[in-house]
N, C-alpha and C. Protein backbone atom coordinates (compact mmCIF):
# COMPACT_ATOMS: atom_id res chain seq x y z
N MET A 1 -87.41 106.26 -10.53
CA MET A 1 -88.55 105.57 -11.36
C MET A 1 -87.59 104.97 -12.02
N ALA A 2 -86.47 105.32 -12.48
CA ALA A 2 -85.58 104.53 -13.51
C ALA A 2 -85.20 103.22 -13.26
N MET A 3 -84.71 102.81 -11.83
CA MET A 3 -84.76 101.65 -11.58
C MET A 3 -86.06 100.50 -11.47
N THR A 4 -87.44 101.00 -11.51
CA THR A 4 -88.31 100.41 -11.13
C THR A 4 -88.70 100.17 -12.81
N GLY A 5 -88.80 101.21 -13.22
CA GLY A 5 -89.00 100.61 -15.12
C GLY A 5 -87.94 99.12 -15.66
N TYR A 6 -86.34 99.92 -15.47
CA TYR A 6 -86.13 98.41 -15.08
C TYR A 6 -86.01 96.87 -14.95
N LEU A 7 -86.64 97.63 -13.51
CA LEU A 7 -87.24 96.03 -13.14
C LEU A 7 -88.02 95.21 -13.56
N HIS A 8 -89.08 96.52 -14.24
CA HIS A 8 -90.56 96.26 -14.80
C HIS A 8 -90.21 95.28 -16.04
N ARG A 9 -89.00 95.91 -17.37
CA ARG A 9 -89.04 95.51 -18.27
C ARG A 9 -88.11 94.28 -17.74
N SER A 10 -87.85 93.36 -17.01
CA SER A 10 -86.62 92.53 -16.80
C SER A 10 -87.19 91.77 -15.71
N TRP A 11 -88.56 91.65 -15.31
CA TRP A 11 -89.58 90.68 -14.77
C TRP A 11 -89.19 88.77 -15.14
N TRP A 12 -88.90 88.91 -16.49
CA TRP A 12 -89.14 87.80 -17.22
C TRP A 12 -87.85 86.84 -17.28
N ILE A 13 -86.68 87.66 -16.69
CA ILE A 13 -85.38 86.88 -16.64
C ILE A 13 -85.66 86.52 -15.55
N LEU A 14 -86.22 87.22 -14.71
CA LEU A 14 -86.12 86.75 -13.09
C LEU A 14 -86.97 85.46 -13.27
N LEU A 15 -88.11 85.53 -14.08
CA LEU A 15 -88.97 84.05 -13.89
C LEU A 15 -88.44 83.18 -14.95
N LEU A 16 -87.45 83.34 -15.75
CA LEU A 16 -86.70 82.17 -17.20
C LEU A 16 -85.33 81.67 -15.63
N TYR A 17 -84.85 82.52 -15.15
CA TYR A 17 -84.12 81.42 -14.20
C TYR A 17 -84.93 81.23 -13.06
N GLY A 18 -85.41 81.34 -12.49
CA GLY A 18 -86.42 81.00 -11.82
C GLY A 18 -87.09 79.40 -12.12
N VAL A 19 -87.72 79.22 -13.41
CA VAL A 19 -87.52 78.14 -14.03
C VAL A 19 -86.94 77.26 -13.67
N ILE A 20 -85.73 77.64 -15.00
CA ILE A 20 -84.82 77.00 -15.53
C ILE A 20 -83.97 76.40 -13.71
N ALA A 21 -84.57 76.57 -12.68
CA ALA A 21 -83.11 76.44 -11.58
C ALA A 21 -84.67 75.00 -10.94
N ALA A 22 -86.20 76.01 -11.24
CA ALA A 22 -86.37 74.79 -10.50
C ALA A 22 -86.93 73.37 -11.55
N ILE A 23 -86.64 73.62 -12.86
CA ILE A 23 -86.41 72.46 -13.61
C ILE A 23 -85.45 71.52 -13.14
N PHE A 24 -84.37 72.33 -12.95
CA PHE A 24 -83.47 71.23 -12.73
C PHE A 24 -83.14 70.90 -11.19
N GLY A 25 -83.48 71.56 -10.32
CA GLY A 25 -83.72 70.96 -8.95
C GLY A 25 -84.26 69.75 -8.68
N VAL A 26 -85.43 69.97 -9.53
CA VAL A 26 -86.56 68.46 -9.69
C VAL A 26 -85.95 67.54 -10.55
N MET A 27 -85.14 67.70 -11.50
CA MET A 27 -84.34 66.59 -12.52
C MET A 27 -83.39 66.47 -11.66
N ALA A 28 -82.62 66.81 -10.87
CA ALA A 28 -81.58 66.66 -9.79
C ALA A 28 -82.20 65.58 -8.47
N LEU A 29 -83.31 66.22 -8.10
CA LEU A 29 -83.64 65.06 -7.16
C LEU A 29 -84.55 63.85 -8.05
N ILE A 30 -84.95 63.67 -8.91
CA ILE A 30 -85.70 62.31 -9.98
C ILE A 30 -84.14 61.43 -10.55
N ASN A 31 -82.80 62.11 -10.35
CA ASN A 31 -82.00 61.19 -11.15
C ASN A 31 -80.88 62.42 -11.22
N PRO A 32 -80.59 61.65 -10.00
CA PRO A 32 -79.37 62.66 -9.05
C PRO A 32 -78.03 62.33 -10.10
N LEU A 33 -77.60 61.18 -10.19
CA LEU A 33 -76.25 60.28 -10.66
C LEU A 33 -76.10 61.72 -12.09
N THR A 34 -77.42 61.77 -13.27
CA THR A 34 -77.31 61.98 -14.13
C THR A 34 -77.12 63.47 -14.26
N ALA A 35 -77.44 64.59 -13.77
CA ALA A 35 -77.26 65.42 -12.84
C ALA A 35 -76.17 66.38 -12.69
N GLY A 36 -75.81 65.23 -11.21
CA GLY A 36 -74.70 66.08 -10.82
C GLY A 36 -73.54 65.22 -12.53
N VAL A 37 -73.34 64.52 -12.92
CA VAL A 37 -72.79 64.65 -14.45
C VAL A 37 -72.66 65.54 -15.50
N ALA A 38 -74.19 66.43 -15.22
CA ALA A 38 -74.44 67.38 -15.95
C ALA A 38 -73.92 68.56 -15.50
N LEU A 39 -73.99 68.85 -14.14
CA LEU A 39 -72.75 70.23 -13.35
C LEU A 39 -71.69 69.84 -14.33
N ALA A 40 -70.70 68.90 -14.21
CA ALA A 40 -69.54 68.76 -13.87
C ALA A 40 -69.55 68.71 -15.89
N TRP A 41 -69.71 68.68 -16.40
CA TRP A 41 -70.14 69.32 -18.18
C TRP A 41 -70.22 70.36 -18.27
N ALA A 42 -71.04 71.34 -17.72
CA ALA A 42 -70.92 72.64 -16.78
C ALA A 42 -70.17 73.76 -16.53
N PHE A 43 -69.25 73.11 -15.91
CA PHE A 43 -68.20 73.23 -15.38
C PHE A 43 -67.09 73.26 -16.51
N GLY A 44 -67.43 72.15 -17.44
CA GLY A 44 -66.36 72.13 -18.22
C GLY A 44 -66.52 72.68 -19.43
N ILE A 45 -67.32 73.20 -19.81
CA ILE A 45 -67.72 74.26 -20.38
C ILE A 45 -67.83 75.60 -20.45
N MET A 46 -67.72 75.69 -19.41
CA MET A 46 -67.03 77.20 -18.29
C MET A 46 -65.85 77.31 -17.87
N ALA A 47 -64.98 76.03 -17.96
CA ALA A 47 -63.46 75.83 -18.28
C ALA A 47 -62.88 76.41 -18.96
N LEU A 48 -63.53 75.46 -20.64
CA LEU A 48 -63.14 76.36 -22.01
C LEU A 48 -63.33 77.83 -22.42
N ALA A 49 -64.96 78.19 -21.72
CA ALA A 49 -64.81 79.47 -22.35
C ALA A 49 -63.98 80.95 -21.75
N GLU A 50 -63.62 80.26 -19.76
CA GLU A 50 -62.15 81.03 -19.90
C GLU A 50 -60.76 80.85 -20.13
N GLY A 51 -60.69 79.24 -20.70
CA GLY A 51 -59.86 79.02 -21.57
C GLY A 51 -59.46 80.03 -22.45
N VAL A 52 -60.09 80.04 -23.20
CA VAL A 52 -60.80 80.78 -24.27
C VAL A 52 -60.26 82.00 -24.46
N ILE A 53 -61.22 83.24 -23.81
CA ILE A 53 -60.92 84.23 -23.02
C ILE A 53 -59.59 84.37 -23.15
N SER A 54 -59.51 83.29 -22.27
CA SER A 54 -57.59 83.74 -21.13
C SER A 54 -56.61 83.94 -22.32
N VAL A 55 -56.61 83.36 -23.62
CA VAL A 55 -56.09 83.04 -24.60
C VAL A 55 -55.84 84.60 -25.48
N ALA A 56 -57.35 84.79 -25.69
CA ALA A 56 -57.50 85.99 -26.37
C ALA A 56 -57.00 87.20 -25.79
N ALA A 57 -56.89 86.87 -24.19
CA ALA A 57 -55.96 87.77 -22.96
C ALA A 57 -54.50 88.13 -23.01
N LEU A 58 -53.61 86.90 -24.16
CA LEU A 58 -52.18 87.11 -24.15
C LEU A 58 -52.02 88.26 -25.32
N PHE A 59 -53.29 87.87 -26.33
CA PHE A 59 -52.62 89.04 -26.97
C PHE A 59 -53.34 90.19 -26.89
N ASP A 60 -53.95 90.63 -26.07
CA ASP A 60 -54.11 91.89 -25.58
C ASP A 60 -52.95 92.73 -24.99
N ARG A 61 -52.46 94.09 -25.90
CA ARG A 61 -51.20 94.33 -24.98
C ARG A 61 -51.68 95.51 -24.10
N ASP A 62 -52.84 95.66 -23.82
CA ASP A 62 -53.20 96.47 -22.57
C ASP A 62 -53.11 95.59 -21.56
N SER A 63 -53.03 94.49 -21.41
CA SER A 63 -53.59 93.45 -19.96
C SER A 63 -52.51 93.74 -18.67
N SER A 64 -53.16 94.12 -17.44
CA SER A 64 -52.59 94.23 -16.95
C SER A 64 -51.57 92.70 -16.20
N LEU A 65 -52.23 91.90 -16.49
CA LEU A 65 -52.01 90.47 -15.67
C LEU A 65 -50.46 89.81 -17.06
N SER A 66 -49.84 88.96 -16.13
CA SER A 66 -48.13 88.84 -16.13
C SER A 66 -49.22 87.83 -17.82
N ARG A 67 -47.85 87.43 -18.56
CA ARG A 67 -48.53 86.60 -19.25
C ARG A 67 -48.19 85.27 -19.01
N GLY A 68 -47.15 85.33 -18.06
CA GLY A 68 -46.90 83.37 -17.59
C GLY A 68 -48.35 83.02 -16.86
N TRP A 69 -48.73 83.64 -15.52
CA TRP A 69 -49.89 83.25 -15.06
C TRP A 69 -50.96 83.12 -16.14
N LEU A 70 -51.62 84.38 -17.08
CA LEU A 70 -52.33 83.90 -18.01
C LEU A 70 -52.41 82.22 -19.05
N LEU A 71 -51.44 82.91 -19.41
CA LEU A 71 -50.94 81.16 -20.00
C LEU A 71 -51.12 79.80 -19.33
N LEU A 72 -50.67 80.09 -17.67
CA LEU A 72 -50.73 79.04 -16.86
C LEU A 72 -52.29 78.88 -16.39
N TYR A 73 -53.31 80.50 -16.77
CA TYR A 73 -54.54 79.70 -16.19
C TYR A 73 -55.75 79.15 -17.62
N ALA A 74 -54.66 79.88 -18.52
CA ALA A 74 -55.28 79.14 -19.60
C ALA A 74 -55.61 78.08 -20.35
N VAL A 75 -53.68 77.42 -20.36
CA VAL A 75 -53.99 75.80 -20.48
C VAL A 75 -54.47 75.61 -19.50
N ALA A 76 -54.72 75.61 -18.04
CA ALA A 76 -55.45 74.68 -17.46
C ALA A 76 -56.64 74.83 -17.44
N SER A 77 -57.42 75.74 -17.92
CA SER A 77 -58.68 75.37 -18.19
C SER A 77 -59.33 74.97 -18.94
N LEU A 78 -58.47 75.35 -20.04
CA LEU A 78 -58.76 74.50 -21.59
C LEU A 78 -58.21 73.07 -21.17
N LEU A 79 -57.88 72.49 -20.54
CA LEU A 79 -57.02 70.68 -20.34
C LEU A 79 -58.83 70.26 -19.83
N PHE A 80 -58.47 70.90 -18.28
CA PHE A 80 -59.56 70.62 -17.88
C PHE A 80 -61.50 70.37 -18.44
N GLY A 81 -61.07 71.92 -18.99
CA GLY A 81 -62.14 71.84 -20.21
C GLY A 81 -62.70 70.97 -21.00
N VAL A 82 -61.09 70.66 -21.33
CA VAL A 82 -61.43 69.62 -22.78
C VAL A 82 -61.33 67.91 -21.90
N LEU A 83 -61.29 67.80 -20.47
CA LEU A 83 -61.10 66.45 -20.51
C LEU A 83 -62.82 66.21 -19.90
N THR A 84 -63.23 67.29 -19.06
CA THR A 84 -64.61 67.67 -18.59
C THR A 84 -65.34 66.71 -19.46
N LEU A 85 -64.82 67.46 -20.72
CA LEU A 85 -66.50 67.74 -21.69
C LEU A 85 -65.95 65.63 -22.70
N ILE A 86 -64.53 65.37 -22.16
CA ILE A 86 -64.41 63.80 -22.89
C ILE A 86 -65.20 62.91 -21.64
N ASN A 87 -65.13 63.43 -20.23
CA ASN A 87 -65.23 62.27 -19.41
C ASN A 87 -65.88 63.40 -18.25
N PRO A 88 -67.06 63.26 -18.33
CA PRO A 88 -68.16 64.40 -17.21
C PRO A 88 -68.20 63.32 -15.91
N ALA A 89 -68.38 62.43 -15.92
CA ALA A 89 -68.24 61.49 -15.41
C ALA A 89 -67.14 61.27 -14.36
N ALA A 90 -66.41 60.65 -14.35
CA ALA A 90 -64.86 60.62 -14.01
C ALA A 90 -64.80 61.51 -13.02
N THR A 91 -64.81 63.24 -14.43
CA THR A 91 -64.71 64.72 -13.66
C THR A 91 -65.41 64.92 -12.47
N ALA A 92 -66.74 64.64 -12.46
CA ALA A 92 -66.97 64.42 -11.28
C ALA A 92 -67.26 63.46 -9.91
N GLU A 93 -66.70 62.48 -10.50
CA GLU A 93 -66.10 61.85 -9.60
C GLU A 93 -64.51 62.46 -8.57
N VAL A 94 -63.98 63.39 -9.23
CA VAL A 94 -62.97 63.44 -9.26
C VAL A 94 -62.49 65.17 -8.03
N LEU A 95 -64.50 65.65 -8.83
CA LEU A 95 -64.40 67.07 -7.68
C LEU A 95 -64.83 66.09 -6.58
N ILE A 96 -65.80 65.25 -6.78
CA ILE A 96 -66.62 64.71 -4.85
C ILE A 96 -65.28 64.68 -4.50
N LEU A 97 -63.73 63.76 -4.96
CA LEU A 97 -62.54 63.75 -3.98
C LEU A 97 -62.08 64.65 -3.43
N PHE A 98 -61.78 65.83 -4.58
CA PHE A 98 -61.51 66.64 -3.40
C PHE A 98 -62.46 67.37 -2.50
N LEU A 99 -64.07 67.48 -2.43
CA LEU A 99 -63.97 67.82 -1.39
C LEU A 99 -64.56 67.11 -0.05
N ALA A 100 -64.15 65.57 -0.81
CA ALA A 100 -63.81 65.31 0.64
C ALA A 100 -62.23 65.13 1.34
N ALA A 101 -61.69 65.66 0.19
CA ALA A 101 -60.04 65.75 1.23
C ALA A 101 -61.02 67.23 1.89
N TRP A 102 -61.26 68.20 1.02
CA TRP A 102 -61.99 69.48 2.03
C TRP A 102 -61.84 69.01 3.44
N LEU A 103 -63.40 68.49 3.07
CA LEU A 103 -63.73 67.77 4.37
C LEU A 103 -62.83 67.38 5.56
N ILE A 104 -62.50 66.59 5.15
CA ILE A 104 -61.50 66.25 6.40
C ILE A 104 -59.85 66.80 6.28
N ILE A 105 -59.34 67.72 5.77
CA ILE A 105 -58.66 68.92 6.41
C ILE A 105 -59.54 70.03 6.82
N GLY A 106 -60.51 69.98 6.57
CA GLY A 106 -61.43 70.92 7.77
C GLY A 106 -62.09 70.67 8.98
N GLY A 107 -62.32 69.52 9.09
CA GLY A 107 -62.73 68.80 10.22
C GLY A 107 -61.36 68.53 11.06
N VAL A 108 -60.17 68.51 10.45
CA VAL A 108 -58.85 68.28 11.35
C VAL A 108 -59.18 69.65 12.25
N PHE A 109 -58.83 70.35 11.35
CA PHE A 109 -58.39 71.91 11.50
C PHE A 109 -59.44 71.88 12.90
N ARG A 110 -61.17 72.08 12.31
CA ARG A 110 -61.94 72.34 13.63
C ARG A 110 -61.92 71.51 14.73
N ILE A 111 -61.00 69.85 14.74
CA ILE A 111 -60.69 69.83 16.52
C ILE A 111 -59.96 70.24 16.70
N VAL A 112 -58.84 70.76 16.21
CA VAL A 112 -57.34 71.62 16.62
C VAL A 112 -58.02 72.83 16.85
N PHE A 113 -58.55 73.74 16.53
CA PHE A 113 -59.19 74.41 16.64
C PHE A 113 -60.08 75.17 18.28
N ALA A 114 -61.18 73.52 18.02
CA ALA A 114 -61.97 73.21 19.37
C ALA A 114 -60.45 73.21 20.52
N VAL A 115 -60.06 72.13 20.70
CA VAL A 115 -58.87 71.88 21.38
C VAL A 115 -57.92 73.13 22.20
N ARG A 116 -57.84 74.01 21.24
CA ARG A 116 -56.61 75.16 20.96
C ARG A 116 -57.74 76.30 22.32
N VAL A 117 -59.21 76.78 21.34
CA VAL A 117 -60.06 76.89 22.96
C VAL A 117 -61.00 76.79 23.34
N ARG A 118 -60.53 75.36 23.73
CA ARG A 118 -61.49 74.90 25.19
C ARG A 118 -61.49 75.98 26.28
N LYS A 119 -60.24 76.18 26.46
CA LYS A 119 -60.73 77.29 28.00
C LYS A 119 -61.16 78.52 27.86
N ALA A 120 -61.00 79.52 26.26
CA ALA A 120 -61.60 80.63 26.07
C ALA A 120 -63.45 80.01 25.51
N ILE A 121 -63.23 79.33 25.85
CA ILE A 121 -65.13 79.46 25.22
C ILE A 121 -66.17 77.85 25.14
N ARG A 122 -67.29 78.03 26.00
CA ARG A 122 -68.04 77.15 25.90
C ARG A 122 -68.47 76.48 24.69
N GLY A 123 -68.51 75.18 25.11
CA GLY A 123 -69.54 74.87 24.03
C GLY A 123 -68.32 74.52 22.72
N GLU A 124 -67.19 74.41 23.13
CA GLU A 124 -66.01 73.81 22.74
C GLU A 124 -66.05 72.54 21.87
N TRP A 125 -66.69 71.56 22.02
CA TRP A 125 -67.08 70.34 22.14
C TRP A 125 -68.12 70.35 20.49
N LEU A 126 -69.10 71.19 20.24
CA LEU A 126 -69.68 71.48 19.27
C LEU A 126 -68.34 71.28 18.17
N ILE A 127 -67.68 72.57 18.81
CA ILE A 127 -66.91 72.89 16.97
C ILE A 127 -66.10 71.02 16.90
N ALA A 128 -66.15 70.60 17.70
CA ALA A 128 -65.22 69.15 17.44
C ALA A 128 -65.56 68.32 17.22
N LEU A 129 -67.10 68.43 17.02
CA LEU A 129 -68.04 67.54 16.71
C LEU A 129 -68.32 67.78 15.45
N SER A 130 -68.44 69.17 14.58
CA SER A 130 -68.34 69.48 13.34
C SER A 130 -67.39 69.20 12.74
N GLY A 131 -66.15 69.07 13.37
CA GLY A 131 -64.84 68.36 12.97
C GLY A 131 -64.95 67.74 12.41
N LEU A 132 -65.84 66.07 13.59
CA LEU A 132 -65.41 64.82 13.30
C LEU A 132 -66.60 64.65 12.42
N LEU A 133 -67.87 65.16 12.05
CA LEU A 133 -68.38 64.70 11.58
C LEU A 133 -67.65 65.43 10.50
N ALA A 134 -67.66 66.20 9.80
CA ALA A 134 -67.18 66.95 8.93
C ALA A 134 -65.75 65.44 7.72
N ILE A 135 -64.83 64.74 9.04
CA ILE A 135 -64.18 63.67 8.53
C ILE A 135 -64.88 62.50 7.97
N LEU A 136 -65.37 63.12 8.99
CA LEU A 136 -66.70 61.17 8.75
C LEU A 136 -66.56 61.31 7.55
N LEU A 137 -67.73 62.75 6.85
CA LEU A 137 -68.62 62.54 5.54
C LEU A 137 -67.56 62.88 4.82
N GLY A 138 -66.26 63.25 4.57
CA GLY A 138 -64.69 62.95 3.79
C GLY A 138 -65.28 61.88 3.68
N ALA A 139 -64.06 60.97 4.43
CA ALA A 139 -64.25 59.60 4.76
C ALA A 139 -64.84 58.52 4.04
N LEU A 140 -66.96 58.86 3.99
CA LEU A 140 -67.60 58.34 3.07
C LEU A 140 -67.39 58.99 2.05
N PHE A 141 -67.25 59.98 1.04
CA PHE A 141 -67.11 59.98 0.56
C PHE A 141 -65.90 59.63 -0.34
N ILE A 142 -64.69 59.14 0.04
CA ILE A 142 -63.63 58.58 -0.75
C ILE A 142 -63.73 57.13 -0.20
N ALA A 143 -65.03 56.80 0.59
CA ALA A 143 -65.26 55.31 0.09
C ALA A 143 -66.18 54.64 -0.99
N SER A 144 -66.94 55.79 -1.12
CA SER A 144 -67.48 55.68 -2.38
C SER A 144 -68.56 56.80 -2.96
N PRO A 145 -67.20 57.46 -3.93
CA PRO A 145 -67.70 59.19 -4.66
C PRO A 145 -68.89 58.97 -5.20
N VAL A 146 -69.05 57.53 -5.65
CA VAL A 146 -70.54 57.49 -6.40
C VAL A 146 -71.58 58.54 -5.51
N ALA A 147 -71.67 57.51 -4.63
CA ALA A 147 -72.72 58.07 -3.87
C ALA A 147 -72.72 59.12 -3.08
N GLY A 148 -71.85 59.60 -2.87
CA GLY A 148 -70.80 61.63 -2.16
C GLY A 148 -71.54 62.04 -3.47
N LEU A 149 -71.64 61.55 -4.64
CA LEU A 149 -71.57 62.41 -6.26
C LEU A 149 -73.52 62.82 -5.24
N VAL A 150 -73.98 61.68 -6.12
CA VAL A 150 -75.75 61.52 -5.80
C VAL A 150 -75.93 62.32 -4.52
N VAL A 151 -76.02 62.30 -2.83
CA VAL A 151 -75.82 63.14 -2.23
C VAL A 151 -75.84 64.49 -2.43
N THR A 152 -74.38 64.81 -2.81
CA THR A 152 -74.29 66.13 -3.49
C THR A 152 -74.76 66.53 -3.92
N THR A 153 -75.80 66.37 -5.29
CA THR A 153 -76.15 66.20 -6.01
C THR A 153 -77.80 66.78 -5.87
N LEU A 154 -78.21 65.83 -4.93
CA LEU A 154 -79.97 65.80 -4.05
C LEU A 154 -79.45 67.33 -3.07
N TRP A 155 -79.14 67.85 -2.47
CA TRP A 155 -78.69 68.66 -1.72
C TRP A 155 -78.38 69.86 -2.88
N ILE A 156 -78.11 69.61 -3.54
CA ILE A 156 -78.36 71.18 -4.61
C ILE A 156 -79.44 71.47 -5.32
N GLY A 157 -79.92 70.13 -5.60
CA GLY A 157 -81.68 69.55 -6.67
C GLY A 157 -82.41 70.69 -5.64
N ALA A 158 -81.92 69.97 -4.51
CA ALA A 158 -83.53 70.49 -3.46
C ALA A 158 -83.18 71.55 -3.28
N ILE A 159 -81.35 72.86 -3.01
CA ILE A 159 -81.50 74.39 -3.19
C ILE A 159 -81.83 74.58 -4.23
N ALA A 160 -81.87 73.66 -5.57
CA ALA A 160 -82.38 75.02 -6.82
C ALA A 160 -83.69 74.69 -7.35
N MET A 161 -84.01 74.28 -5.97
CA MET A 161 -85.60 74.43 -6.11
C MET A 161 -86.46 75.07 -5.94
N VAL A 162 -85.51 75.76 -4.12
CA VAL A 162 -86.17 76.75 -3.30
C VAL A 162 -85.65 78.16 -4.34
N TYR A 163 -84.38 77.95 -4.35
CA TYR A 163 -83.64 79.11 -5.35
C TYR A 163 -84.89 79.17 -6.54
N GLY A 164 -85.46 78.25 -7.33
CA GLY A 164 -86.29 78.78 -8.30
C GLY A 164 -87.41 79.37 -8.25
N ALA A 165 -87.73 79.19 -7.01
CA ALA A 165 -89.50 79.46 -6.83
C ALA A 165 -89.42 80.80 -5.96
N LEU A 166 -87.97 81.07 -5.40
CA LEU A 166 -87.44 82.55 -5.07
C LEU A 166 -87.94 83.25 -6.07
N GLN A 167 -86.88 82.88 -6.94
CA GLN A 167 -86.95 83.74 -8.58
C GLN A 167 -88.81 84.42 -9.12
N ILE A 168 -89.53 82.63 -9.04
CA ILE A 168 -90.62 83.12 -9.77
C ILE A 168 -91.22 83.82 -8.66
N ILE A 169 -91.61 83.47 -7.20
CA ILE A 169 -92.34 84.46 -6.77
C ILE A 169 -91.86 85.52 -6.51
N ALA A 170 -90.27 86.27 -6.68
CA ALA A 170 -89.35 87.98 -7.08
C ALA A 170 -90.08 88.29 -8.31
N ALA A 171 -90.04 86.95 -9.97
CA ALA A 171 -90.39 88.37 -10.81
C ALA A 171 -91.99 88.33 -10.67
N PHE A 172 -92.70 87.76 -10.20
CA PHE A 172 -94.22 87.79 -10.30
C PHE A 172 -94.66 89.04 -9.49
N ARG A 173 -93.80 89.20 -8.04
CA ARG A 173 -93.77 90.82 -7.46
C ARG A 173 -93.59 92.11 -8.75
N VAL A 174 -91.77 91.78 -9.08
CA VAL A 174 -91.61 92.79 -9.62
C VAL A 174 -92.54 93.31 -10.80
N ARG A 175 -93.23 92.38 -11.93
CA ARG A 175 -94.22 92.57 -13.07
C ARG A 175 -96.19 93.16 -11.82
N ARG A 176 -95.91 92.90 -10.24
CA ARG A 176 -97.07 93.39 -10.20
C ARG A 176 -96.67 94.90 -9.82
N LEU A 177 -95.49 95.43 -9.87
CA LEU A 177 -95.02 96.60 -9.49
C LEU A 177 -95.49 97.58 -10.49
N GLU A 178 -95.22 97.26 -11.82
CA GLU A 178 -96.17 98.18 -12.64
C GLU A 178 -97.41 98.80 -12.57
N LYS A 179 -97.65 97.38 -12.52
CA LYS A 179 -99.61 97.99 -12.03
C LYS A 179 -100.16 98.87 -11.22
N ASN A 180 -99.85 98.82 -10.27
CA ASN A 180 -99.13 99.82 -9.13
C ASN A 180 -98.89 100.85 -8.96
N LEU A 181 -97.85 100.99 -10.60
CA LEU A 181 -97.24 102.60 -10.45
C LEU A 181 -98.24 103.44 -11.13
């Protein structure tokens, strides 16, 4: 009974998350480049917050973390945050380039894996094909990071709209729960 009471009291939080996600999703689909830059800016804000918290943790005598690693993390977080807030568009492009590198490395890994397991499983060509497609996508992102940012943001926007709709549905179901009690 305590859980249902808590859920009912917080139904509006689910609704708020859903509305914000849906609005972001629509905005990302309407103007993906601006939404991509906004996402980078949000990452910058989060990095700054992490940096400040890490600096504060440096002065905590009860911290179980190594001071060296904590200092490194604090400095990296603060630098990333400041650089992102100064030029979020450049940060968004760099993040797409990191995504491109990850896709290419992952694609090569999948192809090598498919070759190594070809005698042990059937359909290994699908693994190799997924690797080839990952390499192709990574190469396209490198060739045009802005286009990669737009495509990635469109996908994020579409997912945000679905997430928002599900949160809104969940909110009203939780709200209706009280009427049934």
